[in-house]
């Protein structure tokens, strides 16, 4: 859906790391305080980029992603507010979390 954005949590990087430069240029890195998130939207939605974001955010002890209808990624700023994070949570349609040291995923889907 064009309304959905996919967010991958990045727990191993800090916002000022040079290897995030390409993600900043594609407007696909968003920050909440010092937390880094890769965001896939309509403008950067392709197989190669999805795999790149998923791979970068993967850690055997932590990997989380959400599909959300929150519309807080269209402004010029890549800084998210607490209200943006709350909107992402409230409008999440699906969540995937790594399990068994990254050998499987647990999927949760909001049923309406």
Protein backbone atom coordinates (compact mmCIF):
# COMPACT_ATOMS: atom_id res chain seq x y z
CA UNK A 1 0.00 0.00 0.00
CA UNK A 2 1.19 3.55 -0.71
CA UNK A 3 0.08 4.56 2.78
CA UNK A 4 2.43 2.14 4.55
CA UNK A 5 5.95 2.89 5.66
CA UNK A 6 8.36 0.23 6.87
CA UNK A 7 10.65 1.07 9.77
CA UNK A 8 13.69 -0.95 10.82
CA UNK A 9 15.20 -0.24 14.22
CA UNK A 10 18.99 0.21 14.12
CA UNK A 11 20.53 -0.46 17.54
CA UNK A 12 24.20 -0.77 16.64
CA UNK A 13 24.82 2.62 15.02
CA UNK A 14 24.87 6.20 16.24
CA UNK A 15 23.42 9.09 14.20
CA UNK A 16 26.78 10.60 13.25
CA UNK A 17 28.42 7.51 11.74
CA UNK A 18 29.82 8.12 8.26
CA UNK A 19 28.46 4.85 6.84
CA UNK A 20 24.93 6.26 7.25
CA UNK A 21 25.64 9.08 4.78
CA UNK A 22 24.00 7.31 1.81
CA UNK A 23 20.90 6.65 3.91
CA UNK A 24 20.72 10.32 4.93
CA UNK A 25 21.02 11.32 1.26
CA UNK A 26 18.08 9.06 0.37
CA UNK A 27 16.06 10.58 3.23
CA UNK A 28 15.69 7.12 4.71
CA UNK A 29 17.26 7.64 8.15
CA UNK A 30 15.16 9.10 10.92
CA UNK A 31 16.22 9.79 14.47
CA UNK A 32 14.48 9.79 17.80
CA UNK A 33 16.96 11.18 20.30
CA UNK A 34 20.06 9.01 19.61
CA UNK A 35 18.10 6.12 18.10
CA UNK A 36 18.53 5.44 14.39
CA UNK A 37 15.72 4.06 12.23
CA UNK A 38 15.72 3.15 8.55
CA UNK A 39 12.45 4.15 6.88
CA UNK A 40 11.23 2.74 3.59
CA UNK A 41 8.51 4.77 1.91
CA UNK A 42 7.03 5.01 -1.56
CA UNK A 43 9.95 7.09 -2.87
CA UNK A 44 12.61 4.52 -1.91
CA UNK A 45 10.63 1.29 -2.11
CA UNK A 46 12.54 -1.32 -4.08
CA UNK A 47 13.79 -4.83 -3.43
CA UNK A 48 17.48 -3.91 -3.22
CA UNK A 49 16.93 -1.06 -0.78
CA UNK A 50 14.62 -3.12 1.45
CA UNK A 51 17.27 -5.85 1.67
CA UNK A 52 19.95 -3.26 2.44
CA UNK A 53 17.92 -1.73 5.29
CA UNK A 54 16.96 -5.12 6.70
CA UNK A 55 20.56 -6.30 6.53
CA UNK A 56 21.99 -3.16 8.14
CA UNK A 57 19.50 -3.28 11.00
CA UNK A 58 19.89 -7.00 11.68
CA UNK A 59 21.60 -8.08 14.87
CA UNK A 60 21.40 -11.65 16.12
CA UNK A 61 20.20 -10.39 19.49
CA UNK A 62 17.80 -7.69 18.26
CA UNK A 63 15.92 -7.04 15.06
CA UNK A 64 12.59 -5.19 14.93
CA UNK A 65 10.55 -3.78 12.10
CA UNK A 66 7.09 -2.33 11.76
CA UNK A 67 4.68 -1.49 8.97
CA UNK A 68 2.78 1.65 9.87
CA UNK A 69 0.30 4.07 8.36
CA UNK A 70 1.77 6.94 10.40
CA UNK A 71 2.39 9.95 8.19
CA UNK A 72 5.29 11.59 10.02
CA UNK A 73 8.01 11.07 7.39
CA UNK A 74 7.06 13.73 4.84
CA UNK A 75 8.61 16.77 6.47
CA UNK A 76 12.10 18.04 5.70
CA UNK A 77 13.42 17.08 9.11
CA UNK A 78 14.65 13.60 9.90
CA UNK A 79 14.07 14.15 13.63
CA UNK A 80 11.07 12.39 15.15
CA UNK A 81 9.24 13.68 18.20
CA UNK A 82 7.70 11.62 20.97
CA UNK A 83 4.33 12.37 19.34
CA UNK A 84 5.63 10.92 16.06
CA UNK A 85 6.75 7.73 17.84
CA UNK A 86 3.34 7.47 19.49
CA UNK A 87 1.62 7.91 16.09
CA UNK A 88 3.85 5.19 14.60
CA UNK A 89 2.83 2.83 17.41
CA UNK A 90 -0.87 3.64 17.22
CA UNK A 91 -0.96 3.21 13.44
CA UNK A 92 1.20 0.08 13.23
CA UNK A 93 -0.39 -2.65 11.13
CA UNK A 94 2.29 -5.33 11.44
CA UNK A 95 5.40 -5.92 13.53
CA UNK A 96 8.21 -8.44 13.04
CA UNK A 97 10.72 -9.34 15.72
CA UNK A 98 13.67 -11.70 15.43
CA UNK A 99 13.61 -14.87 17.51
CA UNK A 100 15.93 -17.80 18.20
CA UNK A 101 19.11 -15.74 17.71
CA UNK A 102 17.93 -14.46 14.34
CA UNK A 103 16.94 -17.85 12.93
CA UNK A 104 13.24 -17.00 12.81
CA UNK A 105 10.80 -14.11 13.18
CA UNK A 106 7.66 -13.56 15.18
CA UNK A 107 5.02 -11.67 13.21
CA UNK A 108 2.18 -9.70 14.76
CA UNK A 109 -0.63 -8.27 12.70
CA UNK A 110 -3.29 -5.86 13.89
CA UNK A 111 -6.74 -7.29 13.21
CA UNK A 112 -9.48 -4.72 12.85
